[in-house]
């Protein structure tokens, strides 16, 4: 996102609030809109990271557990 695009997004948020004659846009909606702009700029959606990085060391550890000696009380 360019600097100009960010400015336009923020102006749009401001204009929507100014022109909200029904009072439907509250502080929560404004914060959500600004947060969306921040996520767009950062290049993420703020959600869970679904990267392809795995914790193989944990997988190997659980895979090699010897359950034959497991006692259940």
PDB file of N, CA and C in Angstrom:
ATOM      1  N   UNK A   1       0.834  -1.173   0.000  1.00  0.00           N
ATOM      2  CA  UNK A   1       0.000   0.000   0.000  1.00  0.00           C
ATOM      3  C   UNK A   1       0.885   1.244   0.000  1.00  0.00           C
ATOM      4  N   UNK A   2       0.532   2.169  -0.855  1.00  0.00           N
ATOM      5  CA  UNK A   2       1.310   3.408  -0.908  1.00  0.00           C
ATOM      6  C   UNK A   2       0.836   4.364   0.190  1.00  0.00           C
ATOM      7  N   UNK A   3       1.650   5.361   0.435  1.00  0.00           N
ATOM      8  CA  UNK A   3       1.302   6.382   1.428  1.00  0.00           C
ATOM      9  C   UNK A   3      -0.022   7.049   1.057  1.00  0.00           C
ATOM     10  N   UNK A   4      -0.203   7.323  -0.221  1.00  0.00           N
ATOM     11  CA  UNK A   4      -1.432   7.973  -0.690  1.00  0.00           C
ATOM     12  C   UNK A   4      -2.649   7.074  -0.477  1.00  0.00           C
ATOM     13  N   UNK A   5      -2.508   5.785  -0.713  1.00  0.00           N
ATOM     14  CA  UNK A   5      -3.620   4.847  -0.494  1.00  0.00           C
ATOM     15  C   UNK A   5      -4.006   4.791   0.984  1.00  0.00           C
ATOM     16  N   UNK A   6      -3.014   4.826   1.852  1.00  0.00           N
ATOM     17  CA  UNK A   6      -3.276   4.820   3.291  1.00  0.00           C
ATOM     18  C   UNK A   6      -4.033   6.082   3.690  1.00  0.00           C
ATOM     19  N   UNK A   7      -3.577   7.202   3.187  1.00  0.00           N
ATOM     20  CA  UNK A   7      -4.246   8.473   3.478  1.00  0.00           C
ATOM     21  C   UNK A   7      -5.685   8.443   2.993  1.00  0.00           C
ATOM     22  N   UNK A   8      -5.909   7.924   1.801  1.00  0.00           N
ATOM     23  CA  UNK A   8      -7.269   7.841   1.253  1.00  0.00           C
ATOM     24  C   UNK A   8      -8.159   6.933   2.106  1.00  0.00           C
ATOM     25  N   UNK A   9      -7.606   5.815   2.568  1.00  0.00           N
ATOM     26  CA  UNK A   9      -8.370   4.907   3.433  1.00  0.00           C
ATOM     27  C   UNK A   9      -8.774   5.614   4.728  1.00  0.00           C
ATOM     28  N   UNK A  10      -7.826   6.326   5.334  1.00  0.00           N
ATOM     29  CA  UNK A  10      -8.117   7.027   6.587  1.00  0.00           C
ATOM     30  C   UNK A  10      -9.117   8.167   6.373  1.00  0.00           C
ATOM     31  N   UNK A  11      -8.993   8.884   5.266  1.00  0.00           N
ATOM     32  CA  UNK A  11      -9.963   9.935   4.941  1.00  0.00           C
ATOM     33  C   UNK A  11     -11.353   9.346   4.752  1.00  0.00           C
ATOM     34  N   UNK A  12     -11.418   8.183   4.118  1.00  0.00           N
ATOM     35  CA  UNK A  12     -12.693   7.515   3.893  1.00  0.00           C
ATOM     36  C   UNK A  12     -13.354   7.153   5.229  1.00  0.00           C
ATOM     37  N   UNK A  13     -12.558   6.645   6.164  1.00  0.00           N
ATOM     38  CA  UNK A  13     -13.081   6.315   7.492  1.00  0.00           C
ATOM     39  C   UNK A  13     -13.628   7.579   8.161  1.00  0.00           C
ATOM     40  N   UNK A  14     -12.853   8.646   8.098  1.00  0.00           N
ATOM     41  CA  UNK A  14     -13.257   9.924   8.700  1.00  0.00           C
ATOM     42  C   UNK A  14     -14.541  10.445   8.051  1.00  0.00           C
ATOM     43  N   UNK A  15     -14.600  10.425   6.711  1.00  0.00           N
ATOM     44  CA  UNK A  15     -15.773  10.928   5.991  1.00  0.00           C
ATOM     45  C   UNK A  15     -17.023  10.111   6.318  1.00  0.00           C
ATOM     46  N   UNK A  16     -16.861   8.805   6.437  1.00  0.00           N
ATOM     47  CA  UNK A  16     -18.016   7.978   6.779  1.00  0.00           C
ATOM     48  C   UNK A  16     -18.550   8.331   8.158  1.00  0.00           C
ATOM     49  N   UNK A  17     -17.644   8.602   9.100  1.00  0.00           N
ATOM     50  CA  UNK A  17     -18.073   8.978  10.442  1.00  0.00           C
ATOM     51  C   UNK A  17     -18.758  10.349  10.432  1.00  0.00           C
ATOM     52  N   UNK A  18     -18.181  11.304   9.702  1.00  0.00           N
ATOM     53  CA  UNK A  18     -18.758  12.650   9.627  1.00  0.00           C
ATOM     54  C   UNK A  18     -20.154  12.614   9.010  1.00  0.00           C
ATOM     55  N   UNK A  19     -20.330  11.776   7.982  1.00  0.00           N
ATOM     56  CA  UNK A  19     -21.607  11.718   7.263  1.00  0.00           C
ATOM     57  C   UNK A  19     -22.584  10.700   7.838  1.00  0.00           C
ATOM     58  N   UNK A  20     -22.294  10.163   8.997  1.00  0.00           N
ATOM     59  CA  UNK A  20     -23.152   9.157   9.631  1.00  0.00           C
ATOM     60  C   UNK A  20     -24.300   9.851  10.360  1.00  0.00           C
ATOM     61  N   UNK A  21     -25.366  10.139   9.633  1.00  0.00           N
ATOM     62  CA  UNK A  21     -26.495  10.871  10.216  1.00  0.00           C
ATOM     63  C   UNK A  21     -27.329  10.003  11.165  1.00  0.00           C
ATOM     64  N   UNK A  22     -27.227   8.692  11.052  1.00  0.00           N
ATOM     65  CA  UNK A  22     -28.004   7.788  11.905  1.00  0.00           C
ATOM     66  C   UNK A  22     -27.258   7.377  13.168  1.00  0.00           C
ATOM     67  N   UNK A  23     -26.004   7.779  13.291  1.00  0.00           N
ATOM     68  CA  UNK A  23     -25.222   7.435  14.475  1.00  0.00           C
ATOM     69  C   UNK A  23     -24.877   5.962  14.570  1.00  0.00           C
ATOM     70  N   UNK A  24     -24.724   5.312  13.429  1.00  0.00           N
ATOM     71  CA  UNK A  24     -24.433   3.876  13.404  1.00  0.00           C
ATOM     72  C   UNK A  24     -22.946   3.560  13.558  1.00  0.00           C
ATOM     73  N   UNK A  25     -22.096   4.543  13.335  1.00  0.00           N
ATOM     74  CA  UNK A  25     -20.650   4.305  13.416  1.00  0.00           C
ATOM     75  C   UNK A  25     -20.161   4.767  14.784  1.00  0.00           C
ATOM     76  N   UNK A  26     -19.793   3.792  15.609  1.00  0.00           N
ATOM     77  CA  UNK A  26     -19.292   4.114  16.938  1.00  0.00           C
ATOM     78  C   UNK A  26     -17.779   3.919  16.979  1.00  0.00           C
ATOM     79  N   UNK A  27     -17.192   4.130  18.139  1.00  0.00           N
ATOM     80  CA  UNK A  27     -15.736   4.032  18.262  1.00  0.00           C
ATOM     81  C   UNK A  27     -15.236   2.626  17.927  1.00  0.00           C
ATOM     82  N   UNK A  28     -16.020   1.615  18.242  1.00  0.00           N
ATOM     83  CA  UNK A  28     -15.609   0.239  17.929  1.00  0.00           C
ATOM     84  C   UNK A  28     -15.481   0.025  16.423  1.00  0.00           C
ATOM     85  N   UNK A  29     -16.429   0.561  15.666  1.00  0.00           N
ATOM     86  CA  UNK A  29     -16.382   0.435  14.209  1.00  0.00           C
ATOM     87  C   UNK A  29     -15.195   1.191  13.628  1.00  0.00           C
ATOM     88  N   UNK A  30     -14.898   2.342  14.199  1.00  0.00           N
ATOM     89  CA  UNK A  30     -13.761   3.137  13.724  1.00  0.00           C
ATOM     90  C   UNK A  30     -12.451   2.402  14.002  1.00  0.00           C
ATOM     91  N   UNK A  31     -12.310   1.871  15.214  1.00  0.00           N
ATOM     92  CA  UNK A  31     -11.097   1.123  15.568  1.00  0.00           C
ATOM     93  C   UNK A  31     -10.946  -0.093  14.666  1.00  0.00           C
ATOM     94  N   UNK A  32     -12.039  -0.785  14.380  1.00  0.00           N
ATOM     95  CA  UNK A  32     -11.983  -1.952  13.497  1.00  0.00           C
ATOM     96  C   UNK A  32     -11.524  -1.558  12.096  1.00  0.00           C
ATOM     97  N   UNK A  33     -12.032  -0.439  11.592  1.00  0.00           N
ATOM     98  CA  UNK A  33     -11.643   0.026  10.260  1.00  0.00           C
ATOM     99  C   UNK A  33     -10.161   0.418  10.226  1.00  0.00           C
ATOM    100  N   UNK A  34      -9.705   1.106  11.269  1.00  0.00           N
ATOM    101  CA  UNK A  34      -8.286   1.496  11.330  1.00  0.00           C
ATOM    102  C   UNK A  34      -7.407   0.256  11.452  1.00  0.00           C
ATOM    103  N   UNK A  35      -7.844  -0.716  12.242  1.00  0.00           N
ATOM    104  CA  UNK A  35      -7.102  -1.971  12.380  1.00  0.00           C
ATOM    105  C   UNK A  35      -6.989  -2.684  11.038  1.00  0.00           C
ATOM    106  N   UNK A  36      -8.062  -2.661  10.250  1.00  0.00           N
ATOM    107  CA  UNK A  36      -8.019  -3.262   8.915  1.00  0.00           C
ATOM    108  C   UNK A  36      -6.973  -2.580   8.037  1.00  0.00           C
ATOM    109  N   UNK A  37      -6.895  -1.258   8.121  1.00  0.00           N
ATOM    110  CA  UNK A  37      -5.893  -0.527   7.345  1.00  0.00           C
ATOM    111  C   UNK A  37      -4.491  -0.930   7.800  1.00  0.00           C
ATOM    112  N   UNK A  38      -4.287  -1.017   9.105  1.00  0.00           N
ATOM    113  CA  UNK A  38      -2.978  -1.423   9.634  1.00  0.00           C
ATOM    114  C   UNK A  38      -2.603  -2.802   9.123  1.00  0.00           C
ATOM    115  N   UNK A  39      -3.541  -3.746   9.155  1.00  0.00           N
ATOM    116  CA  UNK A  39      -3.258  -5.101   8.674  1.00  0.00           C
ATOM    117  C   UNK A  39      -2.952  -5.102   7.183  1.00  0.00           C
ATOM    118  N   UNK A  40      -3.668  -4.275   6.422  1.00  0.00           N
ATOM    119  CA  UNK A  40      -3.381  -4.170   4.988  1.00  0.00           C
ATOM    120  C   UNK A  40      -1.966  -3.662   4.747  1.00  0.00           C
ATOM    121  N   UNK A  41      -1.565  -2.668   5.527  1.00  0.00           N
ATOM    122  CA  UNK A  41      -0.231  -2.097   5.379  1.00  0.00           C
ATOM    123  C   UNK A  41       0.841  -3.108   5.762  1.00  0.00           C
ATOM    124  N   UNK A  42       0.585  -3.850   6.850  1.00  0.00           N
ATOM    125  CA  UNK A  42       1.553  -4.845   7.317  1.00  0.00           C
ATOM    126  C   UNK A  42       1.584  -6.080   6.415  1.00  0.00           C
ATOM    127  N   UNK A  43       0.537  -6.253   5.634  1.00  0.00           N
ATOM    128  CA  UNK A  43       0.499  -7.399   4.733  1.00  0.00           C
ATOM    129  C   UNK A  43      -0.018  -8.668   5.381  1.00  0.00           C
ATOM    130  N   UNK A  44      -0.794  -8.514   6.446  1.00  0.00           N
ATOM    131  CA  UNK A  44      -1.414  -9.692   7.047  1.00  0.00           C
ATOM    132  C   UNK A  44      -2.850  -9.363   7.398  1.00  0.00           C
ATOM    133  N   UNK A  45      -3.615 -10.379   7.711  1.00  0.00           N
ATOM    134  CA  UNK A  45      -5.008 -10.162   8.054  1.00  0.00           C
ATOM    135  C   UNK A  45      -5.235 -10.199   9.565  1.00  0.00           C
ATOM    136  N   UNK A  46      -4.117 -10.279  10.357  1.00  0.00           N
ATOM    137  CA  UNK A  46      -4.277 -10.297  11.772  1.00  0.00           C
ATOM    138  C   UNK A  46      -4.790 -11.565  12.371  1.00  0.00           C
ATOM    139  N   UNK A  47      -4.927 -12.581  11.558  1.00  0.00           N
ATOM    140  CA  UNK A  47      -5.430 -13.859  11.970  1.00  0.00           C
ATOM    141  C   UNK A  47      -4.363 -14.812  12.366  1.00  0.00           C
ATOM    142  N   UNK A  48      -4.663 -16.054  12.339  1.00  0.00           N
ATOM    143  CA  UNK A  48      -3.724 -17.106  12.704  1.00  0.00           C
ATOM    144  C   UNK A  48      -2.696 -17.269  11.590  1.00  0.00           C
ATOM    145  N   UNK A  49      -1.485 -17.506  11.976  1.00  0.00           N
ATOM    146  CA  UNK A  49      -0.408 -17.712  11.002  1.00  0.00           C
ATOM    147  C   UNK A  49      -0.446 -19.160  10.524  1.00  0.00           C
ATOM    148  N   UNK A  50      -0.817 -19.360   9.275  1.00  0.00           N
ATOM    149  CA  UNK A  50      -0.890 -20.699   8.704  1.00  0.00           C
ATOM    150  C   UNK A  50       0.348 -20.998   7.864  1.00  0.00           C
ATOM    151  N   UNK A  51       1.482 -20.618   8.365  1.00  0.00           N
ATOM    152  CA  UNK A  51       2.712 -20.846   7.617  1.00  0.00           C
ATOM    153  C   UNK A  51       3.022 -22.342   7.579  1.00  0.00           C
ATOM    154  N   UNK A  52       3.939 -22.704   6.727  1.00  0.00           N
ATOM    155  CA  UNK A  52       4.308 -24.109   6.536  1.00  0.00           C
ATOM    156  C   UNK A  52       5.383 -24.572   7.505  1.00  0.00           C
ATOM    157  N   UNK A  53       5.648 -23.786   8.524  1.00  0.00           N
ATOM    158  CA  UNK A  53       6.677 -24.162   9.484  1.00  0.00           C
ATOM    159  C   UNK A  53       6.076 -25.110  10.514  1.00  0.00           C
ATOM    160  N   UNK A  54       6.703 -26.249  10.667  1.00  0.00           N
ATOM    161  CA  UNK A  54       6.208 -27.245  11.607  1.00  0.00           C
ATOM    162  C   UNK A  54       7.217 -27.462  12.718  1.00  0.00           C
ATOM    163  N   UNK A  55       6.723 -27.925  13.833  1.00  0.00           N
ATOM    164  CA  UNK A  55       7.580 -28.247  14.958  1.00  0.00           C
ATOM    165  C   UNK A  55       7.946 -29.725  14.897  1.00  0.00           C
ATOM    166  N   UNK A  56       8.828 -30.061  13.977  1.00  0.00           N
ATOM    167  CA  UNK A  56       9.209 -31.461  13.784  1.00  0.00           C
ATOM    168  C   UNK A  56       9.819 -32.085  15.022  1.00  0.00           C
ATOM    169  N   UNK A  57      10.494 -31.274  15.828  1.00  0.00           N
ATOM    170  CA  UNK A  57      11.124 -31.837  17.010  1.00  0.00           C
ATOM    171  C   UNK A  57      10.065 -32.395  17.970  1.00  0.00           C
ATOM    172  N   UNK A  58       8.901 -31.758  18.043  1.00  0.00           N
ATOM    173  CA  UNK A  58       7.837 -32.271  18.904  1.00  0.00           C
ATOM    174  C   UNK A  58       7.202 -33.509  18.292  1.00  0.00           C
ATOM    175  N   UNK A  59       7.016 -33.493  16.994  1.00  0.00           N
ATOM    176  CA  UNK A  59       6.427 -34.635  16.314  1.00  0.00           C
ATOM    177  C   UNK A  59       7.303 -35.865  16.513  1.00  0.00           C
ATOM    178  N   UNK A  60       8.596 -35.714  16.342  1.00  0.00           N
ATOM    179  CA  UNK A  60       9.510 -36.835  16.547  1.00  0.00           C
ATOM    180  C   UNK A  60       9.447 -37.335  17.978  1.00  0.00           C
ATOM    181  N   UNK A  61       9.328 -36.416  18.924  1.00  0.00           N
ATOM    182  CA  UNK A  61       9.276 -36.795  20.326  1.00  0.00           C
ATOM    183  C   UNK A  61       8.039 -37.611  20.654  1.00  0.00           C
ATOM    184  N   UNK A  62       6.894 -37.223  20.148  1.00  0.00           N
ATOM    185  CA  UNK A  62       5.664 -37.954  20.416  1.00  0.00           C
ATOM    186  C   UNK A  62       5.602 -39.263  19.635  1.00  0.00           C
ATOM    187  N   UNK A  63       6.195 -39.267  18.464  1.00  0.00           N
ATOM    188  CA  UNK A  63       6.164 -40.458  17.634  1.00  0.00           C
ATOM    189  C   UNK A  63       6.981 -41.593  18.262  1.00  0.00           C
ATOM    190  N   UNK A  64       8.002 -41.256  18.977  1.00  0.00           N
ATOM    191  CA  UNK A  64       8.911 -42.258  19.521  1.00  0.00           C
ATOM    192  C   UNK A  64       8.607 -42.649  20.972  1.00  0.00           C
ATOM    193  N   UNK A  65       7.452 -42.292  21.487  1.00  0.00           N
ATOM    194  CA  UNK A  65       7.095 -42.649  22.858  1.00  0.00           C
ATOM    195  C   UNK A  65       6.725 -44.126  22.912  1.00  0.00           C
ATOM    196  N   UNK A  66       7.242 -44.808  23.917  1.00  0.00           N
ATOM    197  CA  UNK A  66       6.959 -46.227  24.111  1.00  0.00           C
ATOM    198  C   UNK A  66       5.753 -46.356  25.044  1.00  0.00           C
ATOM    199  N   UNK A  67       4.590 -46.619  24.461  1.00  0.00           N
ATOM    200  CA  UNK A  67       3.369 -46.726  25.252  1.00  0.00           C
ATOM    201  C   UNK A  67       3.168 -48.112  25.856  1.00  0.00           C
ATOM    202  N   UNK A  68       4.029 -49.034  25.594  1.00  0.00           N
ATOM    203  CA  UNK A  68       3.881 -50.384  26.143  1.00  0.00           C
ATOM    204  C   UNK A  68       4.069 -50.392  27.647  1.00  0.00           C
ATOM    205  N   UNK A  69       4.758 -49.405  28.185  1.00  0.00           N
ATOM    206  CA  UNK A  69       5.000 -49.345  29.618  1.00  0.00           C
ATOM    207  C   UNK A  69       4.082 -48.352  30.325  1.00  0.00           C
ATOM    208  N   UNK A  70       3.085 -47.868  29.608  1.00  0.00           N
ATOM    209  CA  UNK A  70       2.147 -46.881  30.145  1.00  0.00           C
ATOM    210  C   UNK A  70       1.207 -47.556  31.152  1.00  0.00           C
ATOM    211  N   UNK A  71       1.088 -46.959  32.331  1.00  0.00           N
ATOM    212  CA  UNK A  71       0.184 -47.488  33.347  1.00  0.00           C
ATOM    213  C   UNK A  71      -0.978 -46.514  33.475  1.00  0.00           C
ATOM    214  N   UNK A  72      -2.186 -47.036  33.415  1.00  0.00           N
ATOM    215  CA  UNK A  72      -3.385 -46.218  33.567  1.00  0.00           C
ATOM    216  C   UNK A  72      -3.987 -46.538  34.925  1.00  0.00           C
ATOM    217  N   UNK A  73      -4.188 -45.549  35.744  1.00  0.00           N
ATOM    218  CA  UNK A  73      -4.768 -45.747  37.083  1.00  0.00           C
ATOM    219  C   UNK A  73      -6.224 -45.437  37.099  1.00  0.00           C
TER     220      UNK A  73
END
